Each structure stands twice: as structure tokens, then as C-alpha cells.
């Protein structure tokens, strides 16, 4: 099997259920901002359907590249619709199945230094600022746009360190490798302390998060079932707890 070098987490979520399922394990390639939310969605989906699910979290751009190169994912949940465009155009995912499942939100996060505005990132106390790589991570692109809107991009560029994805970016700020990070709201809602500074959504292009089914046969059935669960009241309740804006909102 192809070795995926950019994967941060591959978590098998197999939970005992009340009925058996003819479907195999659903393999989901998911944007890194979904790590916490999907670790809750996964067991809930398995309990409801009897279908196990495995998540591979990473940057949307790199996951899209893996799909195009033949990675055997059954469903792709991206942090930006443009990457779904890529896999659909490449013919590796089913255009008819694409759907928006959430809109992401961006925050600045600092473990040790109080942060009340993006302008403060120019101060000497913020020596290193982490953002996801804007070249392939939607939250990194949103971070760059927000810093540009705030008028501080040029001033902070020499301080920037780029994570492979937004989850790694948060880890750097949490372990002290960076003094602050611009991350997904969904990664800052687990009671891990720190200062959270909401960033106005108008300061960056919308993070319209879409999914698409990429498997075939029984694998596609499981992928469609996962997409349906995510769009259900139960799935929406979990996503809302992690700060995602839902399609109907």
C-alpha cells in the first residue's frame, strides 16, 4: 500500500453496535481542522450504522494530491471547495455527491501571551507566529488574508513559521515552539487553555468546506452513509459544538 508521508493521524474508530453491516470500513481523507470533531463523529456514526470508519487527517491540498495519485480513500472532506474541484476534475471522485457540510472559522491562539488584536503580533513578545502553509492549507491561506487585511502581513513575515497543516500549527503554539498561531476555531474548543482571538470572517475568503464520495461499490455506500450522518441532526449537533457554521446557518 502507498505510504502517506503527510498524514498526522490515522485513527481506527471501530465501536460495538446493535446491528451488523454489510459495508466495509469507510476510509475518509479529512482536512486537519476536522480532527477533534470527527474523532467524535466517527464513533457516533459507527454506533448508529455498524460501519467502522478510519480517518486520515492532513492539509486539504496534500490530501487532494494523494487522491489524484491513486490513494484509496472512499470520501474526501476538504476545508475548501477548490480542492474538491481538483479531485472531481481529475475524475477520481463523484461530482454528483459533492456537498457543503460546514463553513470554517479562524481564530488567533496563544498559550502564554495575551492577544487582543492581530496588530499585537508585530510586538517583540511574539517572536514566532505559526500558520499553516498557504500553498496547500486553506486555513493558512485564510490566515495570510487576515494578516493582510489587518495591515501587518509585511511586518510579521519574518516571524512566520509554516505548519504542514492547521493541526500541526496549533501543536507548535501549544508546546511553545511558536508564541501564537492562527488556527481553526474547531481546534481551540477543547478546554486546552490559551487566549482565543476571533477573526472577523470578512477578513478572509469564506472557508466553504465540502465533501465528495470517491469510492465505488460497497465502499461508496459506506461513504454516502457517512455523508448522510454528517448532514443529520446528530452530525450537525457535534459539528456545531466545535464551532462550525452549518449550511443552513
C-alpha atoms as a PDB file:
ATOM      1  CA  UNK A   1       0.000   0.000   0.000  1.00  0.00           C
ATOM      2  CA  UNK A   2       1.147   3.510  -0.751  1.00  0.00           C
ATOM      3  CA  UNK A   3       2.805   5.186   2.229  1.00  0.00           C
ATOM      4  CA  UNK A   4       1.301   8.585   3.005  1.00  0.00           C
ATOM      5  CA  UNK A   5       4.070  10.755   4.374  1.00  0.00           C
ATOM      6  CA  UNK A   6       1.977  13.776   5.326  1.00  0.00           C
ATOM      7  CA  UNK A   7      -0.570  12.005   7.462  1.00  0.00           C
ATOM      8  CA  UNK A   8      -0.581  13.209  11.049  1.00  0.00           C
ATOM      9  CA  UNK A   9      -3.195  10.907  12.476  1.00  0.00           C
ATOM     10  CA  UNK A  10      -4.791   7.677  11.245  1.00  0.00           C
ATOM     11  CA  UNK A  11      -7.399   6.677  13.794  1.00  0.00           C
ATOM     12  CA  UNK A  12      -9.469   3.499  13.515  1.00  0.00           C
ATOM     13  CA  UNK A  13     -12.825   4.051  15.147  1.00  0.00           C
ATOM     14  CA  UNK A  14     -14.488   0.675  15.453  1.00  0.00           C
ATOM     15  CA  UNK A  15     -17.253   0.599  18.034  1.00  0.00           C
ATOM     16  CA  UNK A  16     -19.606  -2.255  19.012  1.00  0.00           C
ATOM     17  CA  UNK A  17     -23.062  -1.775  17.566  1.00  0.00           C
ATOM     18  CA  UNK A  18     -26.556  -3.182  17.823  1.00  0.00           C
ATOM     19  CA  UNK A  19     -26.741  -4.441  14.241  1.00  0.00           C
ATOM     20  CA  UNK A  20     -24.280  -5.739  11.707  1.00  0.00           C
ATOM     21  CA  UNK A  21     -23.421  -4.024   8.445  1.00  0.00           C
ATOM     22  CA  UNK A  22     -22.524  -5.433   5.021  1.00  0.00           C
ATOM     23  CA  UNK A  23     -20.334  -2.428   4.315  1.00  0.00           C
ATOM     24  CA  UNK A  24     -16.589  -2.475   4.842  1.00  0.00           C
ATOM     25  CA  UNK A  25     -14.576   0.135   6.677  1.00  0.00           C
ATOM     26  CA  UNK A  26     -15.051   3.646   5.297  1.00  0.00           C
ATOM     27  CA  UNK A  27     -11.728   5.370   4.620  1.00  0.00           C
ATOM     28  CA  UNK A  28     -12.073   9.148   4.994  1.00  0.00           C
ATOM     29  CA  UNK A  29      -9.454  11.727   3.986  1.00  0.00           C
ATOM     30  CA  UNK A  30     -10.265  14.723   6.171  1.00  0.00           C
ATOM     31  CA  UNK A  31      -8.915  18.245   6.500  1.00  0.00           C
ATOM     32  CA  UNK A  32      -6.863  18.715   9.671  1.00  0.00           C
ATOM     33  CA  UNK A  33      -9.329  21.205  11.167  1.00  0.00           C
ATOM     34  CA  UNK A  34     -11.773  18.289  11.483  1.00  0.00           C
ATOM     35  CA  UNK A  35      -9.548  16.204  13.759  1.00  0.00           C
ATOM     36  CA  UNK A  36     -11.363  16.865  17.010  1.00  0.00           C
ATOM     37  CA  UNK A  37     -14.871  16.965  15.605  1.00  0.00           C
ATOM     38  CA  UNK A  38     -14.501  13.802  13.529  1.00  0.00           C
ATOM     39  CA  UNK A  39     -12.990  11.879  16.451  1.00  0.00           C
ATOM     40  CA  UNK A  40     -16.437  12.345  17.983  1.00  0.00           C
ATOM     41  CA  UNK A  41     -18.434  11.919  14.776  1.00  0.00           C
ATOM     42  CA  UNK A  42     -16.689   8.635  13.951  1.00  0.00           C
ATOM     43  CA  UNK A  43     -17.807   6.537  16.944  1.00  0.00           C
ATOM     44  CA  UNK A  44     -21.295   8.060  16.793  1.00  0.00           C
ATOM     45  CA  UNK A  45     -21.595   7.086  13.110  1.00  0.00           C
ATOM     46  CA  UNK A  46     -20.328   3.568  13.796  1.00  0.00           C
ATOM     47  CA  UNK A  47     -22.742   3.119  16.678  1.00  0.00           C
ATOM     48  CA  UNK A  48     -25.652   4.274  14.516  1.00  0.00           C
ATOM     49  CA  UNK A  49     -24.795   2.269  11.390  1.00  0.00           C
ATOM     50  CA  UNK A  50     -22.484  -0.568  12.370  1.00  0.00           C
ATOM     51  CA  UNK A  51     -19.932   0.651   9.829  1.00  0.00           C
ATOM     52  CA  UNK A  52     -16.374   1.310  11.037  1.00  0.00           C
ATOM     53  CA  UNK A  53     -14.540   4.369   9.760  1.00  0.00           C
ATOM     54  CA  UNK A  54     -10.849   5.265   9.529  1.00  0.00           C
ATOM     55  CA  UNK A  55      -9.737   8.912   9.293  1.00  0.00           C
ATOM     56  CA  UNK A  56      -6.576  10.263   7.734  1.00  0.00           C
ATOM     57  CA  UNK A  57      -6.103  13.922   8.657  1.00  0.00           C
ATOM     58  CA  UNK A  58      -3.909  16.342   6.715  1.00  0.00           C
ATOM     59  CA  UNK A  59      -3.908  19.527   4.683  1.00  0.00           C
ATOM     60  CA  UNK A  60      -6.641  19.655   2.052  1.00  0.00           C
ATOM     61  CA  UNK A  61      -4.191  20.286  -0.773  1.00  0.00           C
ATOM     62  CA  UNK A  62      -1.898  17.390   0.061  1.00  0.00           C
ATOM     63  CA  UNK A  63      -4.823  15.004   0.572  1.00  0.00           C
ATOM     64  CA  UNK A  64      -6.224  16.036  -2.811  1.00  0.00           C
ATOM     65  CA  UNK A  65      -2.826  15.303  -4.368  1.00  0.00           C
ATOM     66  CA  UNK A  66      -2.819  11.834  -2.796  1.00  0.00           C
ATOM     67  CA  UNK A  67      -6.295  11.116  -4.155  1.00  0.00           C
ATOM     68  CA  UNK A  68      -5.306  12.185  -7.648  1.00  0.00           C
ATOM     69  CA  UNK A  69      -2.244   9.937  -7.417  1.00  0.00           C
ATOM     70  CA  UNK A  70      -4.409   6.947  -6.524  1.00  0.00           C
ATOM     71  CA  UNK A  71      -4.835   6.924  -2.747  1.00  0.00           C
ATOM     72  CA  UNK A  72      -7.784   4.599  -1.934  1.00  0.00           C
ATOM     73  CA  UNK A  73      -9.981   6.947   0.088  1.00  0.00           C
ATOM     74  CA  UNK A  74     -13.740   6.463  -0.013  1.00  0.00           C
ATOM     75  CA  UNK A  75     -14.661  10.019   0.991  1.00  0.00           C
ATOM     76  CA  UNK A  76     -12.809  13.323   0.928  1.00  0.00           C
ATOM     77  CA  UNK A  77     -13.792  16.086   3.353  1.00  0.00           C
ATOM     78  CA  UNK A  78     -11.901  19.241   2.387  1.00  0.00           C
ATOM     79  CA  UNK A  79     -11.571  22.576   4.162  1.00  0.00           C
ATOM     80  CA  UNK A  80     -12.144  24.450   0.918  1.00  0.00           C
ATOM     81  CA  UNK A  81     -14.320  23.773  -2.123  1.00  0.00           C
ATOM     82  CA  UNK A  82     -11.461  24.482  -4.542  1.00  0.00           C
ATOM     83  CA  UNK A  83      -9.760  21.208  -3.614  1.00  0.00           C
ATOM     84  CA  UNK A  84     -12.953  19.268  -4.243  1.00  0.00           C
ATOM     85  CA  UNK A  85     -12.942  20.915  -7.671  1.00  0.00           C
ATOM     86  CA  UNK A  86      -9.497  19.406  -8.252  1.00  0.00           C
ATOM     87  CA  UNK A  87     -10.385  15.805  -7.409  1.00  0.00           C
ATOM     88  CA  UNK A  88     -13.643  15.989  -9.357  1.00  0.00           C
ATOM     89  CA  UNK A  89     -11.865  17.442 -12.395  1.00  0.00           C
ATOM     90  CA  UNK A  90      -9.295  14.645 -12.157  1.00  0.00           C
ATOM     91  CA  UNK A  91     -12.111  12.104 -12.343  1.00  0.00           C
ATOM     92  CA  UNK A  92     -11.256  10.398  -9.052  1.00  0.00           C
ATOM     93  CA  UNK A  93     -14.383  11.477  -7.143  1.00  0.00           C
ATOM     94  CA  UNK A  94     -18.092  11.631  -7.978  1.00  0.00           C
ATOM     95  CA  UNK A  95     -19.206  15.168  -8.815  1.00  0.00           C
ATOM     96  CA  UNK A  96     -22.850  14.293  -8.124  1.00  0.00           C
ATOM     97  CA  UNK A  97     -22.035  13.533  -4.484  1.00  0.00           C
ATOM     98  CA  UNK A  98     -20.303  16.785  -3.562  1.00  0.00           C
ATOM     99  CA  UNK A  99     -21.942  18.798  -0.812  1.00  0.00           C
ATOM    100  CA  UNK A 100     -21.077  21.571   1.578  1.00  0.00           C
ATOM    101  CA  UNK A 101     -21.058  20.284   5.144  1.00  0.00           C
ATOM    102  CA  UNK A 102     -19.783  23.326   7.066  1.00  0.00           C
ATOM    103  CA  UNK A 103     -18.094  26.690   6.947  1.00  0.00           C
ATOM    104  CA  UNK A 104     -14.912  27.046   8.957  1.00  0.00           C
ATOM    105  CA  UNK A 105     -13.929  29.869  11.291  1.00  0.00           C
ATOM    106  CA  UNK A 106     -10.482  31.268  12.017  1.00  0.00           C
ATOM    107  CA  UNK A 107      -9.004  32.443  15.311  1.00  0.00           C
ATOM    108  CA  UNK A 108      -5.647  33.558  16.634  1.00  0.00           C
ATOM    109  CA  UNK A 109      -4.466  31.451  19.565  1.00  0.00           C
ATOM    110  CA  UNK A 110      -1.730  31.988  22.124  1.00  0.00           C
ATOM    111  CA  UNK A 111      -0.824  29.817  25.074  1.00  0.00           C
ATOM    112  CA  UNK A 112       1.237  32.262  27.122  1.00  0.00           C
ATOM    113  CA  UNK A 113       0.825  35.765  25.696  1.00  0.00           C
ATOM    114  CA  UNK A 114      -2.485  37.597  25.915  1.00  0.00           C
ATOM    115  CA  UNK A 115      -3.635  38.604  22.455  1.00  0.00           C
ATOM    116  CA  UNK A 116      -6.374  41.164  21.851  1.00  0.00           C
ATOM    117  CA  UNK A 117      -5.699  42.178  18.223  1.00  0.00           C
ATOM    118  CA  UNK A 118      -3.746  40.939  15.238  1.00  0.00           C
ATOM    119  CA  UNK A 119      -1.804  44.185  15.364  1.00  0.00           C
ATOM    120  CA  UNK A 120      -0.147  42.990  18.565  1.00  0.00           C
ATOM    121  CA  UNK A 121       1.616  40.240  16.611  1.00  0.00           C
ATOM    122  CA  UNK A 122       4.125  42.870  15.475  1.00  0.00           C
ATOM    123  CA  UNK A 123       5.290  43.331  19.088  1.00  0.00           C
ATOM    124  CA  UNK A 124       8.653  41.829  20.192  1.00  0.00           C
ATOM    125  CA  UNK A 125       6.952  39.444  22.646  1.00  0.00           C
ATOM    126  CA  UNK A 126       5.665  37.497  19.653  1.00  0.00           C
ATOM    127  CA  UNK A 127       8.886  36.106  18.193  1.00  0.00           C
ATOM    128  CA  UNK A 128       7.404  33.218  16.193  1.00  0.00           C
ATOM    129  CA  UNK A 129       3.916  33.079  14.684  1.00  0.00           C
ATOM    130  CA  UNK A 130       2.658  29.805  13.245  1.00  0.00           C
ATOM    131  CA  UNK A 131       0.251  29.473  10.350  1.00  0.00           C
ATOM    132  CA  UNK A 132      -0.471  26.525   8.081  1.00  0.00           C
ATOM    133  CA  UNK A 133       1.283  26.641   4.726  1.00  0.00           C
ATOM    134  CA  UNK A 134      -0.921  28.845   2.498  1.00  0.00           C
ATOM    135  CA  UNK A 135       0.211  26.957  -0.601  1.00  0.00           C
ATOM    136  CA  UNK A 136      -1.840  23.866   0.259  1.00  0.00           C
ATOM    137  CA  UNK A 137      -3.722  24.540   3.507  1.00  0.00           C
ATOM    138  CA  UNK A 138      -6.961  26.571   3.344  1.00  0.00           C
ATOM    139  CA  UNK A 139      -6.600  27.801   6.922  1.00  0.00           C
ATOM    140  CA  UNK A 140      -3.095  29.006   6.122  1.00  0.00           C
ATOM    141  CA  UNK A 141      -4.435  30.942   3.159  1.00  0.00           C
ATOM    142  CA  UNK A 142      -7.156  32.442   5.370  1.00  0.00           C
ATOM    143  CA  UNK A 143      -4.519  33.367   7.967  1.00  0.00           C
ATOM    144  CA  UNK A 144      -2.468  35.186   5.349  1.00  0.00           C
ATOM    145  CA  UNK A 145      -5.522  37.053   4.084  1.00  0.00           C
ATOM    146  CA  UNK A 146      -6.486  38.076   7.637  1.00  0.00           C
ATOM    147  CA  UNK A 147      -2.982  39.360   8.364  1.00  0.00           C
ATOM    148  CA  UNK A 148      -3.019  41.293   5.110  1.00  0.00           C
ATOM    149  CA  UNK A 149      -6.419  42.772   5.954  1.00  0.00           C
ATOM    150  CA  UNK A 150      -5.099  43.813   9.376  1.00  0.00           C
ATOM    151  CA  UNK A 151      -2.175  45.539   7.655  1.00  0.00           C
ATOM    152  CA  UNK A 152       0.509  43.516   9.440  1.00  0.00           C
ATOM    153  CA  UNK A 153       1.489  40.877   6.867  1.00  0.00           C
ATOM    154  CA  UNK A 154       4.706  42.600   5.825  1.00  0.00           C
ATOM    155  CA  UNK A 155       5.679  43.319   9.423  1.00  0.00           C
ATOM    156  CA  UNK A 156       5.231  39.733  10.629  1.00  0.00           C
ATOM    157  CA  UNK A 157       6.533  37.783   7.648  1.00  0.00           C
ATOM    158  CA  UNK A 158       9.993  37.299   9.164  1.00  0.00           C
ATOM    159  CA  UNK A 159       8.347  35.799  12.271  1.00  0.00           C
ATOM    160  CA  UNK A 160       6.221  33.263  10.438  1.00  0.00           C
ATOM    161  CA  UNK A 161       6.728  29.516  10.651  1.00  0.00           C
ATOM    162  CA  UNK A 162       4.632  27.324   8.363  1.00  0.00           C
ATOM    163  CA  UNK A 163       3.000  24.106   9.510  1.00  0.00           C
ATOM    164  CA  UNK A 164       2.125  21.309   7.118  1.00  0.00           C
ATOM    165  CA  UNK A 165      -1.488  21.729   8.216  1.00  0.00           C
ATOM    166  CA  UNK A 166      -3.514  23.673  10.743  1.00  0.00           C
ATOM    167  CA  UNK A 167      -3.367  20.906  13.356  1.00  0.00           C
ATOM    168  CA  UNK A 168       0.433  20.984  13.394  1.00  0.00           C
ATOM    169  CA  UNK A 169       0.267  24.772  13.601  1.00  0.00           C
ATOM    170  CA  UNK A 170      -1.818  24.537  16.787  1.00  0.00           C
ATOM    171  CA  UNK A 171       0.592  21.991  18.261  1.00  0.00           C
ATOM    172  CA  UNK A 172       3.527  24.352  17.769  1.00  0.00           C
ATOM    173  CA  UNK A 173       1.744  27.141  19.629  1.00  0.00           C
ATOM    174  CA  UNK A 174       0.687  24.748  22.360  1.00  0.00           C
ATOM    175  CA  UNK A 175       4.136  23.286  23.001  1.00  0.00           C
ATOM    176  CA  UNK A 176       5.872  26.681  22.891  1.00  0.00           C
ATOM    177  CA  UNK A 177       7.589  26.283  19.531  1.00  0.00           C
ATOM    178  CA  UNK A 178       5.586  29.358  18.468  1.00  0.00           C
ATOM    179  CA  UNK A 179       4.281  32.243  20.569  1.00  0.00           C
ATOM    180  CA  UNK A 180       0.976  32.437  18.695  1.00  0.00           C
ATOM    181  CA  UNK A 181      -0.834  30.714  15.869  1.00  0.00           C
ATOM    182  CA  UNK A 182      -3.715  31.393  13.527  1.00  0.00           C
ATOM    183  CA  UNK A 183      -5.812  28.247  13.516  1.00  0.00           C
ATOM    184  CA  UNK A 184      -9.293  26.800  13.095  1.00  0.00           C
ATOM    185  CA  UNK A 185     -11.804  27.593  15.811  1.00  0.00           C
ATOM    186  CA  UNK A 186     -12.604  23.862  15.834  1.00  0.00           C
ATOM    187  CA  UNK A 187      -9.128  23.136  17.242  1.00  0.00           C
ATOM    188  CA  UNK A 188      -9.431  25.637  20.080  1.00  0.00           C
ATOM    189  CA  UNK A 189     -12.616  24.416  21.750  1.00  0.00           C
ATOM    190  CA  UNK A 190     -11.411  21.516  23.882  1.00  0.00           C
ATOM    191  CA  UNK A 191     -10.615  23.354  27.106  1.00  0.00           C
ATOM    192  CA  UNK A 192      -6.885  23.483  26.429  1.00  0.00           C
ATOM    193  CA  UNK A 193      -6.447  26.998  27.796  1.00  0.00           C
ATOM    194  CA  UNK A 194      -4.764  29.843  25.991  1.00  0.00           C
ATOM    195  CA  UNK A 195      -6.126  33.078  24.604  1.00  0.00           C
ATOM    196  CA  UNK A 196      -8.538  32.848  21.687  1.00  0.00           C
ATOM    197  CA  UNK A 197      -8.991  35.906  19.479  1.00  0.00           C
ATOM    198  CA  UNK A 198     -11.854  35.536  16.969  1.00  0.00           C
ATOM    199  CA  UNK A 199     -11.066  36.849  13.484  1.00  0.00           C
ATOM    200  CA  UNK A 200     -13.844  38.520  11.532  1.00  0.00           C
ATOM    201  CA  UNK A 201     -14.973  36.213   8.720  1.00  0.00           C
ATOM    202  CA  UNK A 202     -14.994  39.171   6.316  1.00  0.00           C
ATOM    203  CA  UNK A 203     -11.200  39.415   6.645  1.00  0.00           C
ATOM    204  CA  UNK A 204     -10.655  36.322   4.509  1.00  0.00           C
ATOM    205  CA  UNK A 205     -12.361  34.355   1.753  1.00  0.00           C
ATOM    206  CA  UNK A 206     -15.072  32.012   3.066  1.00  0.00           C
ATOM    207  CA  UNK A 207     -13.887  28.573   4.171  1.00  0.00           C
ATOM    208  CA  UNK A 208     -16.675  26.668   2.434  1.00  0.00           C
ATOM    209  CA  UNK A 209     -15.944  23.094   3.459  1.00  0.00           C
ATOM    210  CA  UNK A 210     -17.169  20.443   1.054  1.00  0.00           C
ATOM    211  CA  UNK A 211     -17.083  16.665   0.864  1.00  0.00           C
ATOM    212  CA  UNK A 212     -17.271  14.244  -2.028  1.00  0.00           C
ATOM    213  CA  UNK A 213     -17.519  10.467  -2.398  1.00  0.00           C
ATOM    214  CA  UNK A 214     -14.554   8.850  -4.107  1.00  0.00           C
ATOM    215  CA  UNK A 215     -15.099   5.125  -3.581  1.00  0.00           C
ATOM    216  CA  UNK A 216     -17.098   2.631  -5.618  1.00  0.00           C
ATOM    217  CA  UNK A 217     -19.427  -0.260  -4.815  1.00  0.00           C
ATOM    218  CA  UNK A 218     -19.827  -1.107  -1.101  1.00  0.00           C
ATOM    219  CA  UNK A 219     -17.166   1.478  -0.241  1.00  0.00           C
ATOM    220  CA  UNK A 220     -19.251   4.178  -1.893  1.00  0.00           C
ATOM    221  CA  UNK A 221     -22.308   3.015   0.040  1.00  0.00           C
ATOM    222  CA  UNK A 222     -20.435   3.498   3.302  1.00  0.00           C
ATOM    223  CA  UNK A 223     -19.123   6.884   2.190  1.00  0.00           C
ATOM    224  CA  UNK A 224     -22.638   8.044   1.273  1.00  0.00           C
ATOM    225  CA  UNK A 225     -23.854   6.834   4.666  1.00  0.00           C
ATOM    226  CA  UNK A 226     -21.139   8.833   6.443  1.00  0.00           C
ATOM    227  CA  UNK A 227     -22.000  11.961   4.438  1.00  0.00           C
ATOM    228  CA  UNK A 228     -25.679  11.485   5.322  1.00  0.00           C
ATOM    229  CA  UNK A 229     -24.855  11.089   9.009  1.00  0.00           C
ATOM    230  CA  UNK A 230     -22.778  14.269   8.961  1.00  0.00           C
ATOM    231  CA  UNK A 231     -25.781  16.104   7.474  1.00  0.00           C
ATOM    232  CA  UNK A 232     -28.180  14.644  10.048  1.00  0.00           C
ATOM    233  CA  UNK A 233     -29.307  16.422  13.232  1.00  0.00           C
ATOM    234  CA  UNK A 234     -26.922  14.221  15.235  1.00  0.00           C
ATOM    235  CA  UNK A 235     -23.989  15.078  12.990  1.00  0.00           C
ATOM    236  CA  UNK A 236     -24.858  18.760  12.988  1.00  0.00           C
ATOM    237  CA  UNK A 237     -25.026  18.829  16.781  1.00  0.00           C
ATOM    238  CA  UNK A 238     -21.445  17.567  17.002  1.00  0.00           C
ATOM    239  CA  UNK A 239     -20.125  19.942  14.349  1.00  0.00           C
ATOM    240  CA  UNK A 240     -21.848  22.889  15.995  1.00  0.00           C
ATOM    241  CA  UNK A 241     -20.126  22.100  19.307  1.00  0.00           C
ATOM    242  CA  UNK A 242     -16.774  22.527  17.584  1.00  0.00           C
ATOM    243  CA  UNK A 243     -17.643  25.953  16.245  1.00  0.00           C
ATOM    244  CA  UNK A 244     -18.528  25.135  12.651  1.00  0.00           C
ATOM    245  CA  UNK A 245     -21.158  27.152  10.872  1.00  0.00           C
ATOM    246  CA  UNK A 246     -23.623  24.759   9.258  1.00  0.00           C
ATOM    247  CA  UNK A 247     -25.010  25.065   5.713  1.00  0.00           C
ATOM    248  CA  UNK A 248     -28.494  26.098   6.830  1.00  0.00           C
ATOM    249  CA  UNK A 249     -26.996  28.848   9.001  1.00  0.00           C
END
